[in-house]
Amino acid sequence: MKRTRDQRDELDNTDDISLLYGLPIHVTHKIVQYLRVPGDYHTMSVTSKYFCRLLALDHFRQTVDVFETHFCNVRYNDFFRLEDVPTSERIIELCQLSIDRNGLGLGAVPRGSRTPALRTAAVMQNVRALVCIRRNRRTFEHCLIAVSQDGSLLIHVPITFRTFALCLIAVANYGLALEHVPHHLRQRILCRVAILQDPRALDHVPELFQERLWIELSSQQLI
């Protein structure tokens, strides 16, 4: 479509031309072709008026292609690792899909994208993801989920969350977790549960009732 003289003057007065400095000639030519600018107006100033929009569109298309590949991999590739994706391309949606498959992928999620919901989802998918959460970000819920399935993770539970109930749950499925139970919580019942789960936990029972517990449980042939 032929432009009027006023339209041409407006295009020539654009101050975006500096943005094209340094671009190869063939790139500029492709931009002109794409925009279907009439031959009479194939000037740097005419091209520069539209090049930002064109580059944004091209970037969008490339980005779509890249993320389609990532999303296919995370869904269908059993060997997919979020660590293999460039950091700049680890968008929140991709991270969520990755966490749904393997909670340990939380360690590769950019810190700015580690939302409370994403951290909880990671621990629920794989309790060892608790280790990937910074200590000041670990909640009681995270810790409870983790030790309910793997008592050995009690060592990664902040001291303030090591309540009697949580420690009891931990030693019930991993007796040696008694080593990481605060001393003032190592009561008779908790120690008894730990020893029943693993007799080696006796080494971490307070001397006050260590011998008595051993005799009691031995006589009942429980250990």
Protein backbone atom coordinates (compact mmCIF):
# COMPACT_ATOMS: atom_id res chain seq x y z
CA MET A 1 0.00 0.00 0.00
CA LYS A 2 1.42 3.39 -1.04
CA ARG A 3 2.09 5.74 1.86
CA THR A 4 1.38 9.47 1.79
CA ARG A 5 4.19 11.99 2.07
CA ASP A 6 3.16 12.79 5.67
CA GLN A 7 3.35 9.08 6.64
CA ARG A 8 6.79 8.81 5.06
CA ASP A 9 8.02 11.87 6.95
CA GLU A 10 6.71 10.36 10.19
CA LEU A 11 8.59 7.12 9.55
CA ASP A 12 11.79 8.93 8.65
CA ASN A 13 11.64 10.94 11.88
CA THR A 14 11.63 7.83 14.09
CA ASP A 15 14.32 7.86 16.75
CA ASP A 16 14.57 4.04 17.00
CA ILE A 17 17.16 3.73 14.25
CA SER A 18 19.98 3.37 16.79
CA LEU A 19 18.48 0.02 17.77
CA LEU A 20 19.41 -1.42 14.36
CA TYR A 21 23.05 -0.47 14.49
CA GLY A 22 25.22 -3.55 14.34
CA LEU A 23 22.61 -5.84 12.75
CA PRO A 24 23.87 -7.74 9.69
CA ILE A 25 22.57 -6.57 6.31
CA HIS A 26 20.80 -9.87 5.63
CA VAL A 27 18.87 -9.53 8.91
CA THR A 28 17.73 -6.03 8.01
CA HIS A 29 16.71 -7.28 4.55
CA LYS A 30 14.62 -10.08 6.06
CA ILE A 31 12.90 -7.60 8.36
CA VAL A 32 12.04 -5.41 5.38
CA GLN A 33 10.74 -8.41 3.43
CA TYR A 34 8.65 -9.62 6.35
CA LEU A 35 7.04 -6.23 6.79
CA ARG A 36 6.42 -5.94 3.03
CA VAL A 37 7.71 -2.40 3.02
CA PRO A 38 7.58 -0.95 -0.53
CA GLY A 39 10.97 -0.79 -2.20
CA ASP A 40 10.97 3.01 -2.24
CA TYR A 41 10.97 3.00 1.55
CA HIS A 42 13.69 0.40 2.23
CA THR A 43 15.55 2.74 4.54
CA MET A 44 16.97 2.11 8.00
CA SER A 45 14.47 4.51 9.53
CA VAL A 46 11.46 2.78 7.95
CA THR A 47 12.68 -0.65 9.07
CA SER A 48 13.51 0.48 12.59
CA LYS A 49 9.97 1.64 13.23
CA TYR A 50 8.75 -1.98 13.28
CA PHE A 51 11.77 -4.05 14.16
CA CYS A 52 11.01 -4.22 17.91
CA ARG A 53 7.61 -5.75 17.23
CA LEU A 54 9.08 -8.20 14.76
CA LEU A 55 11.88 -9.32 17.06
CA ALA A 56 9.38 -9.75 19.89
CA LEU A 57 7.21 -11.96 17.66
CA ASP A 58 10.22 -13.99 16.54
CA HIS A 59 11.34 -14.39 20.15
CA PHE A 60 7.83 -15.53 21.11
CA ARG A 61 7.81 -18.18 18.38
CA GLN A 62 11.22 -19.47 19.38
CA THR A 63 10.17 -19.50 23.03
CA VAL A 64 7.04 -21.53 22.25
CA ASP A 65 9.14 -24.10 20.37
CA VAL A 66 11.61 -24.36 23.24
CA PHE A 67 8.96 -24.84 25.92
CA GLU A 68 6.98 -27.32 23.84
CA THR A 69 10.13 -29.44 23.80
CA HIS A 70 10.62 -29.06 27.57
CA PHE A 71 7.00 -29.91 28.36
CA CYS A 72 7.12 -33.02 26.16
CA ASN A 73 10.31 -34.12 27.89
CA VAL A 74 9.00 -33.67 31.40
CA ARG A 75 5.84 -35.64 30.54
CA TYR A 76 7.27 -38.49 28.51
CA ASN A 77 11.00 -38.69 29.15
CA ASP A 78 11.75 -40.83 32.21
CA PHE A 79 15.26 -39.42 32.31
CA PHE A 80 14.19 -35.77 32.31
CA ARG A 81 16.07 -33.60 34.80
CA LEU A 82 15.17 -29.99 35.49
CA GLU A 83 18.89 -29.37 36.02
CA ASP A 84 19.43 -29.92 32.29
CA VAL A 85 17.13 -27.01 31.38
CA PRO A 86 18.83 -23.59 31.14
CA THR A 87 18.02 -21.53 34.24
CA SER A 88 16.39 -18.78 32.19
CA GLU A 89 13.90 -21.31 30.76
CA ARG A 90 12.79 -22.85 34.07
CA ILE A 91 9.38 -21.21 34.18
CA ILE A 92 7.02 -21.95 37.07
CA GLU A 93 4.71 -24.21 34.99
CA LEU A 94 7.65 -26.37 33.92
CA CYS A 95 8.90 -26.54 37.51
CA GLN A 96 5.48 -27.64 38.75
CA LEU A 97 5.31 -30.47 36.20
CA SER A 98 8.83 -31.54 37.12
CA ILE A 99 8.02 -31.55 40.84
CA ASP A 100 4.93 -33.66 40.20
CA ARG A 101 7.23 -36.35 38.78
CA ASN A 102 10.16 -35.97 41.15
CA GLY A 103 10.12 -33.83 44.27
CA LEU A 104 13.92 -33.78 44.40
CA GLY A 105 13.77 -31.50 41.37
CA LEU A 106 13.01 -28.71 43.84
CA GLY A 107 16.75 -28.18 44.18
CA ALA A 108 16.87 -27.04 40.54
CA VAL A 109 13.93 -24.66 40.80
CA PRO A 110 15.02 -20.99 40.81
CA ARG A 111 14.66 -19.64 44.33
CA GLY A 112 12.25 -16.95 43.20
CA SER A 113 9.87 -19.64 41.95
CA ARG A 114 9.90 -21.80 45.09
CA THR A 115 6.46 -20.95 46.37
CA PRO A 116 5.10 -22.48 49.61
CA ALA A 117 2.73 -24.65 47.56
CA LEU A 118 5.58 -25.89 45.37
CA ARG A 119 7.73 -26.76 48.41
CA THR A 120 4.86 -28.69 49.99
CA ALA A 121 4.15 -30.53 46.73
CA ALA A 122 7.82 -31.49 46.46
CA VAL A 123 7.92 -32.97 49.98
CA MET A 124 4.68 -34.85 49.42
CA GLN A 125 6.06 -36.35 46.21
CA ASN A 126 9.43 -37.24 47.73
CA VAL A 127 10.04 -36.66 51.43
CA ARG A 128 13.76 -36.28 50.88
CA ALA A 129 12.97 -32.99 49.13
CA LEU A 130 12.91 -31.58 52.67
CA VAL A 131 16.69 -31.31 52.35
CA CYS A 132 16.24 -29.04 49.30
CA ILE A 133 14.31 -26.49 51.34
CA ARG A 134 16.32 -23.89 53.21
CA ARG A 135 16.08 -24.42 56.96
CA ASN A 136 14.34 -21.10 57.55
CA ARG A 137 11.71 -22.06 54.95
CA ARG A 138 10.87 -25.47 56.38
CA THR A 139 7.49 -25.57 58.07
CA PHE A 140 6.16 -27.96 60.68
CA GLU A 141 3.93 -29.44 57.97
CA HIS A 142 6.94 -30.21 55.77
CA CYS A 143 8.74 -31.87 58.66
CA LEU A 144 5.73 -33.90 59.76
CA ILE A 145 5.18 -35.25 56.23
CA ALA A 146 8.87 -36.13 55.95
CA VAL A 147 9.42 -37.96 59.26
CA SER A 148 6.11 -39.80 58.95
CA GLN A 149 7.63 -41.68 56.04
CA ASP A 150 11.32 -41.53 56.84
CA GLY A 151 12.33 -41.00 60.46
CA SER A 152 15.98 -40.55 59.49
CA LEU A 153 15.05 -37.08 58.24
CA LEU A 154 14.62 -35.92 61.83
CA ILE A 155 18.19 -34.63 61.60
CA HIS A 156 16.97 -32.07 59.04
CA VAL A 157 14.07 -30.86 61.18
CA PRO A 158 14.71 -27.50 62.86
CA ILE A 159 15.06 -27.85 66.65
CA THR A 160 11.98 -25.70 67.25
CA PHE A 161 9.83 -28.27 65.42
CA ARG A 162 11.17 -31.33 67.24
CA THR A 163 8.21 -31.79 69.52
CA PHE A 164 7.54 -34.96 71.51
CA ALA A 165 4.81 -36.04 69.07
CA LEU A 166 6.94 -35.48 65.98
CA CYS A 167 9.93 -37.27 67.51
CA LEU A 168 7.73 -40.19 68.51
CA ILE A 169 6.54 -40.53 64.92
CA ALA A 170 10.14 -40.41 63.69
CA VAL A 171 11.51 -43.11 66.02
CA ALA A 172 8.49 -45.32 65.35
CA ASN A 173 9.69 -45.87 61.78
CA TYR A 174 13.42 -45.33 62.34
CA GLY A 175 14.62 -46.15 65.84
CA LEU A 176 18.08 -44.64 65.38
CA ALA A 177 16.45 -41.23 64.97
CA LEU A 178 16.51 -41.22 68.78
CA GLU A 179 20.02 -39.83 68.46
CA HIS A 180 18.54 -36.57 67.14
CA VAL A 181 15.77 -36.27 69.70
CA PRO A 182 16.43 -33.44 72.20
CA HIS A 183 17.61 -34.92 75.50
CA HIS A 184 14.74 -33.48 77.52
CA LEU A 185 12.28 -35.38 75.26
CA ARG A 186 13.92 -38.79 75.61
CA GLN A 187 11.29 -40.12 77.94
CA ARG A 188 10.72 -43.76 78.77
CA ILE A 189 7.88 -44.35 76.32
CA LEU A 190 9.70 -42.70 73.42
CA CYS A 191 12.88 -44.67 74.09
CA ARG A 192 10.88 -47.90 74.38
CA VAL A 193 9.34 -47.32 70.93
CA ALA A 194 12.77 -46.58 69.45
CA ILE A 195 14.35 -49.73 70.87
CA LEU A 196 11.47 -51.89 69.66
CA GLN A 197 12.01 -50.51 66.17
CA ASP A 198 15.80 -50.92 66.30
CA PRO A 199 17.61 -52.36 69.37
CA ARG A 200 20.68 -50.31 68.43
CA ALA A 201 18.79 -47.24 69.61
CA LEU A 202 19.62 -48.38 73.16
CA ASP A 203 22.95 -46.57 72.78
CA HIS A 204 21.05 -43.25 72.76
CA VAL A 205 18.79 -43.99 75.74
CA PRO A 206 19.56 -41.97 78.91
CA GLU A 207 21.47 -44.03 81.48
CA LEU A 208 18.70 -43.37 84.00
CA PHE A 209 16.49 -46.10 82.54
CA GLN A 210 18.71 -47.72 79.92
CA GLU A 211 19.36 -50.93 81.85
CA ARG A 212 15.80 -51.20 83.11
CA LEU A 213 14.37 -50.92 79.59
CA TRP A 214 16.76 -53.54 78.26
CA ILE A 215 15.82 -56.04 80.98
CA GLU A 216 12.13 -55.36 80.55
CA LEU A 217 12.10 -55.80 76.80
CA SER A 218 14.44 -58.81 76.90
CA SER A 219 12.27 -60.61 79.44
CA GLN A 220 9.26 -60.09 77.19
CA GLN A 221 11.31 -61.34 74.25
CA LEU A 222 10.49 -58.18 72.35
CA ILE A 223 14.11 -57.62 71.34
